[in-house]
Amino acid sequence: MRTNRPGGLDLTRKAAESCGFEPGEKVLDAGCGFGATVRFLTREKGVQAVGVDAGSLRLVQGQEEGGFSAVAAALEALPFRPGVFDGIFCECVLSLVPDKNACLEAFFRLLKPGGRLVLADLVLPDPAHPAHMAPPACNPPVTCLDGAMTLDALAMAVAKAGFEIFCREDHTPLLKQMACEMVFEHGSMDAFWQHLTCDVINTGLAGACRQGKLKPGYAMIIARRV
């Protein structure tokens, strides 16, 4: 199953093991894309996994690769009852959400007491360069980098939403490994950016990264609804 994120399903497996999900528990993959995590969790952990993604075309393509339970919806308007899930995965997606605080609050509402939240995403170096701060909520991020936060800021947002963090890990080596693999596959850094964004972006955080002015990291936070 294909994934386009550092660590792939190996990092997903590590997170699931840390959460201790039991067969039959209900888990949401927020921003499921082609459904790799949903199918993986269903098959390997025996949970009742469901995906949600704003891109209906991605869901259709994922269904063609192998059926999985999913709905098309934006993370800002999740169509589920409060307190229905035992776990939520959000891998390489929160950085693309304009209003991260509202999204984290929605995750909190959807989880049962004791439910676990897994976040894995790009993070900015600390301190972030003031010229490359994330855009305001009314201006959606162009790439994951444009909406990324520092790890400290992300952890603070998670705690503010009511979660108790019990795992905070840096996985930047996995990001570097993925970048090397992508350059090897596509032949050059420019070709890699073209594949990733459909353009060679020279502005914002993506442009700063491409020009070597910014070195992002990758991290995972696992938290519990208390």
N, C-alpha and C. Protein backbone atom coordinates (compact mmCIF):
# COMPACT_ATOMS: atom_id res chain seq x y z
N MET A 1 0.84 -1.19 0.00
CA MET A 1 0.00 0.00 0.00
C MET A 1 0.88 1.25 0.00
N ARG A 2 0.57 2.18 -0.88
CA ARG A 2 1.42 3.36 -1.02
C ARG A 2 1.07 4.43 0.01
N THR A 3 2.11 5.07 0.52
CA THR A 3 1.95 6.24 1.37
C THR A 3 2.95 7.28 0.90
N ASN A 4 2.63 8.54 1.06
CA ASN A 4 3.55 9.61 0.67
C ASN A 4 3.93 10.42 1.90
N ARG A 5 4.42 9.73 2.91
CA ARG A 5 4.82 10.40 4.14
C ARG A 5 6.02 9.69 4.76
N PRO A 6 6.84 10.42 5.50
CA PRO A 6 8.02 9.83 6.13
C PRO A 6 7.65 8.67 7.06
N GLY A 7 8.39 7.60 6.94
CA GLY A 7 8.16 6.44 7.81
C GLY A 7 7.09 5.51 7.32
N GLY A 8 6.21 6.00 6.45
CA GLY A 8 5.16 5.16 5.89
C GLY A 8 4.37 4.42 6.96
N LEU A 9 3.99 3.21 6.65
CA LEU A 9 3.17 2.42 7.57
C LEU A 9 3.97 1.89 8.76
N ASP A 10 5.29 1.91 8.67
CA ASP A 10 6.09 1.49 9.83
C ASP A 10 5.87 2.44 11.00
N LEU A 11 5.80 3.74 10.72
CA LEU A 11 5.55 4.71 11.78
C LEU A 11 4.10 4.60 12.26
N THR A 12 3.18 4.32 11.35
CA THR A 12 1.80 4.08 11.73
C THR A 12 1.69 2.90 12.68
N ARG A 13 2.42 1.83 12.38
CA ARG A 13 2.43 0.64 13.25
C ARG A 13 2.97 0.98 14.64
N LYS A 14 4.04 1.74 14.67
CA LYS A 14 4.64 2.13 15.96
C LYS A 14 3.64 2.92 16.79
N ALA A 15 2.92 3.84 16.13
CA ALA A 15 1.93 4.65 16.85
C ALA A 15 0.79 3.78 17.36
N ALA A 16 0.31 2.87 16.53
CA ALA A 16 -0.80 1.99 16.93
C ALA A 16 -0.41 1.13 18.11
N GLU A 17 0.84 0.65 18.13
CA GLU A 17 1.31 -0.15 19.25
C GLU A 17 1.39 0.68 20.53
N SER A 18 1.83 1.94 20.40
CA SER A 18 1.90 2.82 21.57
C SER A 18 0.52 3.10 22.14
N CYS A 19 -0.48 3.15 21.25
CA CYS A 19 -1.85 3.41 21.69
C CYS A 19 -2.53 2.19 22.27
N GLY A 20 -2.04 1.01 21.92
CA GLY A 20 -2.62 -0.23 22.45
C GLY A 20 -4.05 -0.49 22.02
N PHE A 21 -4.35 -0.23 20.75
CA PHE A 21 -5.71 -0.44 20.26
C PHE A 21 -6.08 -1.91 20.33
N GLU A 22 -7.33 -2.15 20.73
CA GLU A 22 -7.86 -3.50 20.83
C GLU A 22 -8.75 -3.78 19.61
N PRO A 23 -8.85 -5.06 19.19
CA PRO A 23 -9.77 -5.40 18.10
C PRO A 23 -11.18 -4.93 18.40
N GLY A 24 -11.81 -4.36 17.38
CA GLY A 24 -13.19 -3.90 17.53
C GLY A 24 -13.32 -2.44 17.91
N GLU A 25 -12.23 -1.80 18.37
CA GLU A 25 -12.32 -0.39 18.69
C GLU A 25 -12.48 0.42 17.41
N LYS A 26 -13.07 1.60 17.53
CA LYS A 26 -13.35 2.44 16.38
C LYS A 26 -12.26 3.51 16.24
N VAL A 27 -11.67 3.56 15.04
CA VAL A 27 -10.56 4.48 14.78
C VAL A 27 -10.83 5.26 13.50
N LEU A 28 -10.61 6.56 13.55
CA LEU A 28 -10.78 7.44 12.40
C LEU A 28 -9.42 7.83 11.84
N ASP A 29 -9.28 7.76 10.52
CA ASP A 29 -8.10 8.30 9.85
C ASP A 29 -8.52 9.61 9.19
N ALA A 30 -8.14 10.73 9.80
CA ALA A 30 -8.54 12.05 9.33
C ALA A 30 -7.58 12.51 8.24
N GLY A 31 -8.09 12.63 7.02
CA GLY A 31 -7.23 12.92 5.87
C GLY A 31 -6.63 11.63 5.35
N CYS A 32 -7.49 10.66 5.04
CA CYS A 32 -7.04 9.29 4.76
C CYS A 32 -6.43 9.12 3.38
N GLY A 33 -6.62 10.09 2.48
CA GLY A 33 -6.04 9.95 1.15
C GLY A 33 -6.55 8.71 0.43
N PHE A 34 -5.62 7.86 0.02
CA PHE A 34 -5.97 6.65 -0.73
C PHE A 34 -6.37 5.48 0.18
N GLY A 35 -6.36 5.71 1.50
CA GLY A 35 -6.88 4.69 2.42
C GLY A 35 -5.87 3.69 2.94
N ALA A 36 -4.57 3.96 2.78
CA ALA A 36 -3.57 2.99 3.21
C ALA A 36 -3.65 2.72 4.71
N THR A 37 -3.77 3.78 5.52
CA THR A 37 -3.81 3.59 6.97
C THR A 37 -5.09 2.88 7.39
N VAL A 38 -6.21 3.21 6.77
CA VAL A 38 -7.48 2.55 7.11
C VAL A 38 -7.38 1.05 6.87
N ARG A 39 -6.88 0.67 5.71
CA ARG A 39 -6.78 -0.75 5.39
C ARG A 39 -5.76 -1.44 6.30
N PHE A 40 -4.66 -0.74 6.58
CA PHE A 40 -3.61 -1.30 7.43
C PHE A 40 -4.15 -1.56 8.84
N LEU A 41 -4.82 -0.58 9.43
CA LEU A 41 -5.33 -0.74 10.80
C LEU A 41 -6.41 -1.81 10.87
N THR A 42 -7.24 -1.88 9.85
CA THR A 42 -8.29 -2.90 9.81
C THR A 42 -7.68 -4.30 9.74
N ARG A 43 -6.69 -4.45 8.88
CA ARG A 43 -6.09 -5.76 8.66
C ARG A 43 -5.18 -6.18 9.82
N GLU A 44 -4.32 -5.26 10.28
CA GLU A 44 -3.30 -5.65 11.25
C GLU A 44 -3.77 -5.55 12.71
N LYS A 45 -4.63 -4.58 13.01
CA LYS A 45 -5.05 -4.38 14.39
C LYS A 45 -6.48 -4.84 14.66
N GLY A 46 -7.23 -5.14 13.61
CA GLY A 46 -8.58 -5.63 13.78
C GLY A 46 -9.55 -4.58 14.30
N VAL A 47 -9.20 -3.30 14.15
CA VAL A 47 -10.09 -2.24 14.60
C VAL A 47 -11.14 -1.95 13.52
N GLN A 48 -12.19 -1.23 13.90
CA GLN A 48 -13.17 -0.74 12.95
C GLN A 48 -12.70 0.63 12.47
N ALA A 49 -11.93 0.64 11.41
CA ALA A 49 -11.33 1.88 10.92
C ALA A 49 -12.16 2.49 9.81
N VAL A 50 -12.28 3.81 9.85
CA VAL A 50 -12.98 4.54 8.81
C VAL A 50 -12.14 5.76 8.45
N GLY A 51 -12.15 6.12 7.18
CA GLY A 51 -11.38 7.27 6.73
C GLY A 51 -12.27 8.42 6.34
N VAL A 52 -11.73 9.62 6.38
CA VAL A 52 -12.42 10.80 5.89
C VAL A 52 -11.40 11.65 5.15
N ASP A 53 -11.80 12.17 3.99
CA ASP A 53 -10.88 12.97 3.18
C ASP A 53 -11.70 13.95 2.35
N ALA A 54 -11.14 15.15 2.17
CA ALA A 54 -11.84 16.17 1.38
C ALA A 54 -11.75 15.90 -0.11
N GLY A 55 -10.79 15.07 -0.51
CA GLY A 55 -10.61 14.78 -1.93
C GLY A 55 -11.33 13.52 -2.36
N SER A 56 -12.51 13.66 -2.95
CA SER A 56 -13.29 12.49 -3.34
C SER A 56 -12.57 11.66 -4.40
N LEU A 57 -11.76 12.32 -5.25
CA LEU A 57 -11.03 11.58 -6.27
C LEU A 57 -10.02 10.63 -5.64
N ARG A 58 -9.35 11.07 -4.57
CA ARG A 58 -8.41 10.19 -3.87
C ARG A 58 -9.15 8.98 -3.29
N LEU A 59 -10.32 9.21 -2.76
CA LEU A 59 -11.09 8.11 -2.19
C LEU A 59 -11.49 7.11 -3.27
N VAL A 60 -11.91 7.62 -4.42
CA VAL A 60 -12.30 6.74 -5.53
C VAL A 60 -11.11 5.90 -5.98
N GLN A 61 -9.95 6.54 -6.14
CA GLN A 61 -8.75 5.81 -6.56
C GLN A 61 -8.34 4.79 -5.51
N GLY A 62 -8.47 5.16 -4.24
CA GLY A 62 -8.14 4.22 -3.18
C GLY A 62 -9.07 3.04 -3.16
N GLN A 63 -10.36 3.27 -3.41
CA GLN A 63 -11.32 2.18 -3.45
C GLN A 63 -11.01 1.21 -4.58
N GLU A 64 -10.49 1.73 -5.67
CA GLU A 64 -10.12 0.86 -6.79
C GLU A 64 -8.95 -0.05 -6.43
N GLU A 65 -8.07 0.42 -5.53
CA GLU A 65 -6.94 -0.40 -5.10
C GLU A 65 -7.34 -1.45 -4.08
N GLY A 66 -8.40 -1.18 -3.35
CA GLY A 66 -8.86 -2.11 -2.32
C GLY A 66 -9.90 -1.44 -1.46
N GLY A 67 -11.06 -2.02 -1.30
CA GLY A 67 -12.16 -1.37 -0.61
C GLY A 67 -11.85 -1.03 0.84
N PHE A 68 -12.38 0.09 1.29
CA PHE A 68 -12.26 0.48 2.69
C PHE A 68 -13.39 1.44 3.01
N SER A 69 -13.70 1.58 4.28
CA SER A 69 -14.80 2.43 4.70
C SER A 69 -14.32 3.88 4.79
N ALA A 70 -15.00 4.79 4.10
CA ALA A 70 -14.58 6.19 4.10
C ALA A 70 -15.72 7.09 3.66
N VAL A 71 -15.62 8.35 4.05
CA VAL A 71 -16.57 9.37 3.61
C VAL A 71 -15.79 10.58 3.14
N ALA A 72 -16.40 11.34 2.24
CA ALA A 72 -15.79 12.57 1.73
C ALA A 72 -16.30 13.75 2.55
N ALA A 73 -15.39 14.45 3.23
CA ALA A 73 -15.77 15.61 4.04
C ALA A 73 -14.50 16.36 4.43
N ALA A 74 -14.66 17.64 4.70
CA ALA A 74 -13.55 18.45 5.19
C ALA A 74 -13.34 18.20 6.68
N LEU A 75 -12.11 18.33 7.14
CA LEU A 75 -11.82 18.10 8.56
C LEU A 75 -12.49 19.15 9.44
N GLU A 76 -12.82 20.30 8.85
CA GLU A 76 -13.50 21.33 9.62
C GLU A 76 -14.98 21.02 9.81
N ALA A 77 -15.49 20.00 9.11
CA ALA A 77 -16.92 19.65 9.21
C ALA A 77 -17.08 18.14 9.20
N LEU A 78 -16.53 17.48 10.20
CA LEU A 78 -16.55 16.03 10.26
C LEU A 78 -17.95 15.52 10.59
N PRO A 79 -18.49 14.60 9.79
CA PRO A 79 -19.89 14.16 9.93
C PRO A 79 -20.07 12.99 10.89
N PHE A 80 -19.55 13.12 12.13
CA PHE A 80 -19.65 12.03 13.09
C PHE A 80 -20.19 12.55 14.42
N ARG A 81 -20.79 11.65 15.19
CA ARG A 81 -21.31 12.01 16.51
C ARG A 81 -20.18 12.21 17.50
N PRO A 82 -20.37 13.06 18.49
CA PRO A 82 -19.35 13.23 19.54
C PRO A 82 -19.12 11.92 20.31
N GLY A 83 -17.89 11.71 20.73
CA GLY A 83 -17.57 10.58 21.59
C GLY A 83 -17.73 9.21 20.97
N VAL A 84 -17.56 9.10 19.64
CA VAL A 84 -17.81 7.82 18.98
C VAL A 84 -16.52 7.03 18.72
N PHE A 85 -15.35 7.70 18.73
CA PHE A 85 -14.11 7.03 18.35
C PHE A 85 -13.20 6.75 19.55
N ASP A 86 -12.48 5.62 19.45
CA ASP A 86 -11.45 5.28 20.43
C ASP A 86 -10.09 5.85 20.03
N GLY A 87 -9.93 6.19 18.76
CA GLY A 87 -8.66 6.73 18.30
C GLY A 87 -8.82 7.53 17.02
N ILE A 88 -7.93 8.48 16.83
CA ILE A 88 -7.89 9.27 15.60
C ILE A 88 -6.44 9.38 15.14
N PHE A 89 -6.20 9.06 13.87
CA PHE A 89 -4.91 9.27 13.23
C PHE A 89 -5.02 10.48 12.31
N CYS A 90 -4.02 11.34 12.34
CA CYS A 90 -3.95 12.49 11.44
C CYS A 90 -2.49 12.62 11.01
N GLU A 91 -2.15 12.00 9.88
CA GLU A 91 -0.76 11.88 9.45
C GLU A 91 -0.50 12.79 8.24
N CYS A 92 0.37 13.77 8.42
CA CYS A 92 0.75 14.70 7.35
C CYS A 92 -0.47 15.45 6.80
N VAL A 93 -1.39 15.83 7.67
CA VAL A 93 -2.61 16.49 7.22
C VAL A 93 -2.89 17.78 8.00
N LEU A 94 -2.64 17.79 9.31
CA LEU A 94 -2.97 18.96 10.12
C LEU A 94 -2.30 20.23 9.59
N SER A 95 -1.10 20.10 9.05
CA SER A 95 -0.40 21.28 8.53
C SER A 95 -1.12 21.91 7.35
N LEU A 96 -2.03 21.18 6.71
CA LEU A 96 -2.79 21.71 5.59
C LEU A 96 -4.13 22.32 6.03
N VAL A 97 -4.46 22.19 7.30
CA VAL A 97 -5.73 22.70 7.81
C VAL A 97 -5.54 24.16 8.24
N PRO A 98 -6.31 25.10 7.70
CA PRO A 98 -6.13 26.51 8.08
C PRO A 98 -6.35 26.77 9.57
N ASP A 99 -7.45 26.28 10.14
CA ASP A 99 -7.75 26.52 11.55
C ASP A 99 -7.44 25.26 12.35
N LYS A 100 -6.20 25.17 12.79
CA LYS A 100 -5.74 23.97 13.49
C LYS A 100 -6.39 23.82 14.86
N ASN A 101 -6.61 24.94 15.55
CA ASN A 101 -7.23 24.85 16.87
C ASN A 101 -8.64 24.28 16.78
N ALA A 102 -9.41 24.73 15.80
CA ALA A 102 -10.77 24.21 15.63
C ALA A 102 -10.74 22.74 15.26
N CYS A 103 -9.77 22.34 14.46
CA CYS A 103 -9.65 20.94 14.06
C CYS A 103 -9.32 20.06 15.27
N LEU A 104 -8.38 20.49 16.10
CA LEU A 104 -8.01 19.72 17.29
C LEU A 104 -9.18 19.65 18.28
N GLU A 105 -9.94 20.73 18.40
CA GLU A 105 -11.11 20.71 19.26
C GLU A 105 -12.16 19.72 18.74
N ALA A 106 -12.30 19.64 17.41
CA ALA A 106 -13.22 18.67 16.82
C ALA A 106 -12.76 17.25 17.11
N PHE A 107 -11.45 17.00 17.00
CA PHE A 107 -10.92 15.68 17.33
C PHE A 107 -11.25 15.32 18.79
N PHE A 108 -11.09 16.29 19.67
CA PHE A 108 -11.36 16.06 21.09
C PHE A 108 -12.82 15.65 21.29
N ARG A 109 -13.73 16.34 20.61
CA ARG A 109 -15.15 16.03 20.75
C ARG A 109 -15.49 14.63 20.22
N LEU A 110 -14.83 14.22 19.16
CA LEU A 110 -15.15 12.94 18.53
C LEU A 110 -14.62 11.75 19.33
N LEU A 111 -13.63 11.97 20.17
CA LEU A 111 -13.03 10.87 20.92
C LEU A 111 -13.79 10.59 22.22
N LYS A 112 -13.83 9.32 22.57
CA LYS A 112 -14.34 8.92 23.87
C LYS A 112 -13.34 9.34 24.95
N PRO A 113 -13.75 9.47 26.20
CA PRO A 113 -12.78 9.68 27.28
C PRO A 113 -11.72 8.58 27.26
N GLY A 114 -10.47 8.96 27.28
CA GLY A 114 -9.38 8.00 27.17
C GLY A 114 -8.98 7.70 25.75
N GLY A 115 -9.71 8.25 24.78
CA GLY A 115 -9.37 8.03 23.37
C GLY A 115 -8.02 8.64 23.02
N ARG A 116 -7.35 8.05 22.03
CA ARG A 116 -5.98 8.46 21.68
C ARG A 116 -5.94 9.18 20.33
N LEU A 117 -5.12 10.22 20.28
CA LEU A 117 -4.90 11.01 19.07
C LEU A 117 -3.47 10.85 18.62
N VAL A 118 -3.28 10.49 17.35
CA VAL A 118 -1.94 10.36 16.76
C VAL A 118 -1.77 11.45 15.71
N LEU A 119 -0.77 12.31 15.92
CA LEU A 119 -0.41 13.34 14.95
C LEU A 119 1.01 13.10 14.48
N ALA A 120 1.20 13.06 13.17
CA ALA A 120 2.54 13.00 12.59
C ALA A 120 2.58 14.05 11.49
N ASP A 121 3.59 14.92 11.52
CA ASP A 121 3.57 16.01 10.55
C ASP A 121 4.94 16.68 10.46
N LEU A 122 5.08 17.51 9.43
CA LEU A 122 6.24 18.36 9.31
C LEU A 122 6.25 19.39 10.43
N VAL A 123 7.43 19.72 10.92
CA VAL A 123 7.55 20.77 11.93
C VAL A 123 8.66 21.72 11.51
N LEU A 124 8.52 22.97 11.94
CA LEU A 124 9.52 23.99 11.62
C LEU A 124 10.61 24.00 12.67
N PRO A 125 11.81 24.45 12.28
CA PRO A 125 12.87 24.58 13.27
C PRO A 125 12.47 25.62 14.31
N ASP A 126 13.03 25.49 15.49
CA ASP A 126 12.70 26.40 16.58
C ASP A 126 13.93 27.23 16.93
N PRO A 127 13.86 28.58 16.81
CA PRO A 127 12.67 29.35 16.42
C PRO A 127 12.53 29.42 14.90
N ALA A 128 11.29 29.56 14.42
CA ALA A 128 11.05 29.70 12.98
C ALA A 128 11.51 31.07 12.52
N HIS A 129 11.96 31.14 11.31
CA HIS A 129 12.39 32.41 10.74
C HIS A 129 11.17 33.32 10.64
N PRO A 130 11.22 34.55 11.16
CA PRO A 130 10.04 35.42 11.17
C PRO A 130 9.50 35.74 9.79
N ALA A 131 10.31 35.65 8.76
CA ALA A 131 9.85 35.97 7.41
C ALA A 131 9.06 34.82 6.80
N HIS A 132 9.03 33.67 7.47
CA HIS A 132 8.37 32.51 6.90
C HIS A 132 7.35 31.92 7.86
N MET A 133 6.65 32.76 8.58
CA MET A 133 5.62 32.27 9.49
C MET A 133 4.43 31.76 8.68
N ALA A 134 3.66 30.84 9.29
CA ALA A 134 2.50 30.28 8.60
C ALA A 134 1.49 31.37 8.29
N PRO A 135 0.74 31.24 7.19
CA PRO A 135 -0.25 32.25 6.83
C PRO A 135 -1.43 32.23 7.78
N PRO A 136 -2.23 33.30 7.83
CA PRO A 136 -3.39 33.32 8.73
C PRO A 136 -4.43 32.30 8.32
N ALA A 137 -5.37 32.03 9.23
CA ALA A 137 -6.35 30.97 9.00
C ALA A 137 -7.20 31.21 7.76
N CYS A 138 -7.39 32.46 7.38
CA CYS A 138 -8.24 32.75 6.23
C CYS A 138 -7.51 32.53 4.91
N ASN A 139 -6.24 32.21 4.98
CA ASN A 139 -5.44 32.03 3.77
C ASN A 139 -4.91 30.60 3.78
N PRO A 140 -5.57 29.62 3.15
CA PRO A 140 -5.19 28.21 3.26
C PRO A 140 -3.75 27.97 2.83
N PRO A 141 -3.03 27.09 3.54
CA PRO A 141 -1.66 26.76 3.17
C PRO A 141 -1.59 26.15 1.78
N VAL A 142 -0.54 26.51 1.04
CA VAL A 142 -0.33 25.96 -0.29
C VAL A 142 0.27 24.56 -0.19
N THR A 143 1.21 24.37 0.73
CA THR A 143 1.85 23.07 0.94
C THR A 143 1.86 22.76 2.44
N CYS A 144 2.28 21.53 2.77
CA CYS A 144 2.40 21.15 4.18
C CYS A 144 3.35 22.09 4.91
N LEU A 145 4.41 22.53 4.25
CA LEU A 145 5.37 23.41 4.89
C LEU A 145 4.76 24.76 5.22
N ASP A 146 3.93 25.28 4.34
CA ASP A 146 3.36 26.60 4.57
C ASP A 146 2.44 26.63 5.78
N GLY A 147 1.91 25.50 6.17
CA GLY A 147 1.04 25.46 7.34
C GLY A 147 1.67 24.77 8.54
N ALA A 148 2.97 24.47 8.45
CA ALA A 148 3.63 23.76 9.55
C ALA A 148 3.86 24.67 10.75
N MET A 149 4.02 24.05 11.92
CA MET A 149 4.30 24.76 13.16
C MET A 149 5.60 24.22 13.75
N THR A 150 6.13 24.92 14.75
CA THR A 150 7.23 24.33 15.51
C THR A 150 6.65 23.20 16.36
N LEU A 151 7.50 22.28 16.78
CA LEU A 151 7.03 21.16 17.59
C LEU A 151 6.46 21.66 18.91
N ASP A 152 7.10 22.67 19.51
CA ASP A 152 6.59 23.22 20.76
C ASP A 152 5.21 23.84 20.56
N ALA A 153 5.04 24.59 19.47
CA ALA A 153 3.75 25.23 19.21
C ALA A 153 2.66 24.18 18.95
N LEU A 154 3.01 23.12 18.24
CA LEU A 154 2.06 22.05 17.99
C LEU A 154 1.65 21.37 19.29
N ALA A 155 2.63 21.09 20.14
CA ALA A 155 2.33 20.45 21.43
C ALA A 155 1.44 21.35 22.29
N MET A 156 1.70 22.65 22.26
CA MET A 156 0.88 23.58 23.02
C MET A 156 -0.57 23.60 22.51
N ALA A 157 -0.73 23.54 21.19
CA ALA A 157 -2.08 23.52 20.60
C ALA A 157 -2.83 22.26 20.99
N VAL A 158 -2.12 21.14 21.01
CA VAL A 158 -2.75 19.86 21.40
C VAL A 158 -3.19 19.92 22.86
N ALA A 159 -2.33 20.44 23.71
CA ALA A 159 -2.67 20.55 25.14
C ALA A 159 -3.81 21.53 25.35
N LYS A 160 -3.82 22.62 24.60
CA LYS A 160 -4.88 23.62 24.73
C LYS A 160 -6.24 23.03 24.38
N ALA A 161 -6.26 22.08 23.44
CA ALA A 161 -7.52 21.45 23.04
C ALA A 161 -8.04 20.48 24.09
N GLY A 162 -7.24 20.20 25.14
CA GLY A 162 -7.70 19.35 26.23
C GLY A 162 -7.02 18.00 26.32
N PHE A 163 -6.02 17.76 25.46
CA PHE A 163 -5.36 16.46 25.43
C PHE A 163 -4.18 16.41 26.41
N GLU A 164 -3.88 15.19 26.82
CA GLU A 164 -2.69 14.92 27.62
C GLU A 164 -1.69 14.17 26.74
N ILE A 165 -0.55 14.78 26.46
CA ILE A 165 0.46 14.17 25.59
C ILE A 165 1.25 13.12 26.38
N PHE A 166 1.34 11.92 25.82
CA PHE A 166 2.15 10.89 26.47
C PHE A 166 3.27 10.36 25.58
N CYS A 167 3.36 10.87 24.37
CA CYS A 167 4.47 10.49 23.48
C CYS A 167 4.77 11.67 22.57
N ARG A 168 6.03 12.06 22.52
CA ARG A 168 6.47 13.17 21.67
C ARG A 168 7.84 12.78 21.12
N GLU A 169 7.89 12.51 19.82
CA GLU A 169 9.11 11.96 19.22
C GLU A 169 9.52 12.74 17.97
N ASP A 170 10.81 12.93 17.83
CA ASP A 170 11.37 13.53 16.61
C ASP A 170 11.72 12.41 15.63
N HIS A 171 11.22 12.54 14.40
CA HIS A 171 11.50 11.54 13.37
C HIS A 171 12.06 12.20 12.10
N THR A 172 12.84 13.25 12.30
CA THR A 172 13.44 13.96 11.17
C THR A 172 14.28 13.05 10.28
N PRO A 173 15.02 12.07 10.84
CA PRO A 173 15.77 11.17 9.95
C PRO A 173 14.89 10.48 8.91
N LEU A 174 13.63 10.20 9.25
CA LEU A 174 12.72 9.58 8.28
C LEU A 174 12.37 10.55 7.15
N LEU A 175 12.29 11.84 7.47
CA LEU A 175 12.04 12.85 6.45
C LEU A 175 13.24 12.94 5.50
N LYS A 176 14.43 12.92 6.04
CA LYS A 176 15.64 12.97 5.22
C LYS A 176 15.74 11.74 4.32
N GLN A 177 15.39 10.59 4.89
CA GLN A 177 15.42 9.35 4.11
C GLN A 177 14.43 9.43 2.95
N MET A 178 13.23 9.95 3.21
CA MET A 178 12.22 10.06 2.16
C MET A 178 12.68 11.03 1.08
N ALA A 179 13.29 12.16 1.48
CA ALA A 179 13.77 13.13 0.50
C ALA A 179 14.82 12.51 -0.40
N CYS A 180 15.73 11.74 0.18
CA CYS A 180 16.77 11.07 -0.63
C CYS A 180 16.14 10.09 -1.60
N GLU A 181 15.15 9.35 -1.14
CA GLU A 181 14.48 8.38 -2.01
C GLU A 181 13.75 9.07 -3.15
N MET A 182 13.11 10.21 -2.86
CA MET A 182 12.38 10.93 -3.89
C MET A 182 13.32 11.53 -4.93
N VAL A 183 14.45 12.07 -4.47
CA VAL A 183 15.43 12.63 -5.41
C VAL A 183 16.00 11.52 -6.28
N PHE A 184 16.28 10.37 -5.66
CA PHE A 184 16.80 9.23 -6.43
C PHE A 184 15.78 8.78 -7.46
N GLU A 185 14.49 8.78 -7.08
CA GLU A 185 13.44 8.34 -7.99
C GLU A 185 13.21 9.32 -9.13
N HIS A 186 13.26 10.63 -8.83
CA HIS A 186 12.89 11.63 -9.83
C HIS A 186 14.08 12.30 -10.51
N GLY A 187 15.28 12.06 -10.00
CA GLY A 187 16.47 12.52 -10.70
C GLY A 187 17.06 13.82 -10.22
N SER A 188 16.27 14.69 -9.60
CA SER A 188 16.78 15.97 -9.11
C SER A 188 15.80 16.54 -8.10
N MET A 189 16.28 17.54 -7.33
CA MET A 189 15.42 18.18 -6.35
C MET A 189 14.29 18.95 -7.03
N ASP A 190 14.59 19.60 -8.15
CA ASP A 190 13.55 20.33 -8.87
C ASP A 190 12.46 19.39 -9.37
N ALA A 191 12.88 18.24 -9.89
CA ALA A 191 11.90 17.26 -10.37
C ALA A 191 11.07 16.72 -9.22
N PHE A 192 11.69 16.57 -8.06
CA PHE A 192 10.98 16.13 -6.86
C PHE A 192 9.91 17.14 -6.47
N TRP A 193 10.26 18.43 -6.44
CA TRP A 193 9.29 19.46 -6.09
C TRP A 193 8.18 19.55 -7.14
N GLN A 194 8.53 19.36 -8.40
CA GLN A 194 7.53 19.37 -9.45
C GLN A 194 6.51 18.26 -9.23
N HIS A 195 7.01 17.08 -8.86
CA HIS A 195 6.12 15.94 -8.59
C HIS A 195 5.27 16.19 -7.35
N LEU A 196 5.86 16.81 -6.32
CA LEU A 196 5.18 16.98 -5.05
C LEU A 196 4.11 18.05 -5.10
N THR A 197 4.38 19.15 -5.82
CA THR A 197 3.49 20.31 -5.77
C THR A 197 2.90 20.68 -7.13
N CYS A 198 3.28 19.96 -8.19
CA CYS A 198 2.88 20.29 -9.57
C CYS A 198 3.52 21.59 -10.03
N ASP A 199 4.49 22.09 -9.30
CA ASP A 199 5.20 23.31 -9.67
C ASP A 199 6.47 23.39 -8.85
N VAL A 200 7.46 24.13 -9.33
CA VAL A 200 8.66 24.39 -8.55
C VAL A 200 8.43 25.70 -7.80
N ILE A 201 8.03 25.59 -6.53
CA ILE A 201 7.60 26.75 -5.76
C ILE A 201 8.81 27.47 -5.18
N ASN A 202 8.89 28.77 -5.45
CA ASN A 202 10.01 29.57 -4.97
C ASN A 202 9.58 30.57 -3.91
N THR A 203 8.34 30.49 -3.43
CA THR A 203 7.86 31.40 -2.41
C THR A 203 7.43 30.62 -1.18
N GLY A 204 7.21 31.36 -0.07
CA GLY A 204 6.75 30.73 1.15
C GLY A 204 7.76 29.76 1.73
N LEU A 205 7.28 28.91 2.63
CA LEU A 205 8.17 27.97 3.29
C LEU A 205 8.69 26.91 2.34
N ALA A 206 7.86 26.48 1.37
CA ALA A 206 8.34 25.50 0.39
C ALA A 206 9.49 26.06 -0.42
N GLY A 207 9.39 27.33 -0.81
CA GLY A 207 10.47 27.96 -1.54
C GLY A 207 11.72 28.10 -0.70
N ALA A 208 11.54 28.47 0.58
CA ALA A 208 12.69 28.60 1.48
C ALA A 208 13.39 27.27 1.67
N CYS A 209 12.61 26.19 1.75
CA CYS A 209 13.19 24.86 1.89
C CYS A 209 13.95 24.47 0.63
N ARG A 210 13.36 24.71 -0.52
CA ARG A 210 14.00 24.36 -1.78
C ARG A 210 15.32 25.12 -1.95
N GLN A 211 15.35 26.38 -1.48
CA GLN A 211 16.54 27.21 -1.62
C GLN A 211 17.56 26.96 -0.51
N GLY A 212 17.28 26.04 0.37
CA GLY A 212 18.22 25.70 1.43
C GLY A 212 18.22 26.66 2.60
N LYS A 213 17.21 27.54 2.69
CA LYS A 213 17.15 28.52 3.77
C LYS A 213 16.39 27.98 4.98
N LEU A 214 15.70 26.90 4.82
CA LEU A 214 14.89 26.33 5.89
C LEU A 214 15.03 24.81 5.87
N LYS A 215 15.29 24.24 7.04
CA LYS A 215 15.40 22.79 7.16
C LYS A 215 14.31 22.28 8.10
N PRO A 216 13.21 21.81 7.53
CA PRO A 216 12.11 21.33 8.37
C PRO A 216 12.44 20.00 9.02
N GLY A 217 11.65 19.66 10.01
CA GLY A 217 11.77 18.37 10.66
C GLY A 217 10.46 17.60 10.53
N TYR A 218 10.42 16.45 11.18
CA TYR A 218 9.22 15.62 11.17
C TYR A 218 9.06 15.05 12.57
N ALA A 219 7.85 15.08 13.09
CA ALA A 219 7.64 14.65 14.47
C ALA A 219 6.32 13.93 14.62
N MET A 220 6.21 13.20 15.71
CA MET A 220 4.97 12.50 16.04
C MET A 220 4.58 12.82 17.47
N ILE A 221 3.33 13.16 17.67
CA ILE A 221 2.75 13.39 18.99
C ILE A 221 1.58 12.43 19.18
N ILE A 222 1.56 11.76 20.32
CA ILE A 222 0.43 10.90 20.66
C ILE A 222 -0.14 11.42 21.98
N ALA A 223 -1.44 11.66 22.00
CA ALA A 223 -2.06 12.25 23.17
C ALA A 223 -3.35 11.50 23.50
N ARG A 224 -3.82 11.74 24.71
CA ARG A 224 -5.01 11.07 25.22
C ARG A 224 -6.07 12.09 25.62
N ARG A 225 -7.32 11.83 25.29
CA ARG A 225 -8.39 12.68 25.80
C ARG A 225 -8.62 12.35 27.26
N VAL A 226 -8.50 13.34 28.11
CA VAL A 226 -8.64 13.10 29.56
C VAL A 226 -10.05 13.46 30.01
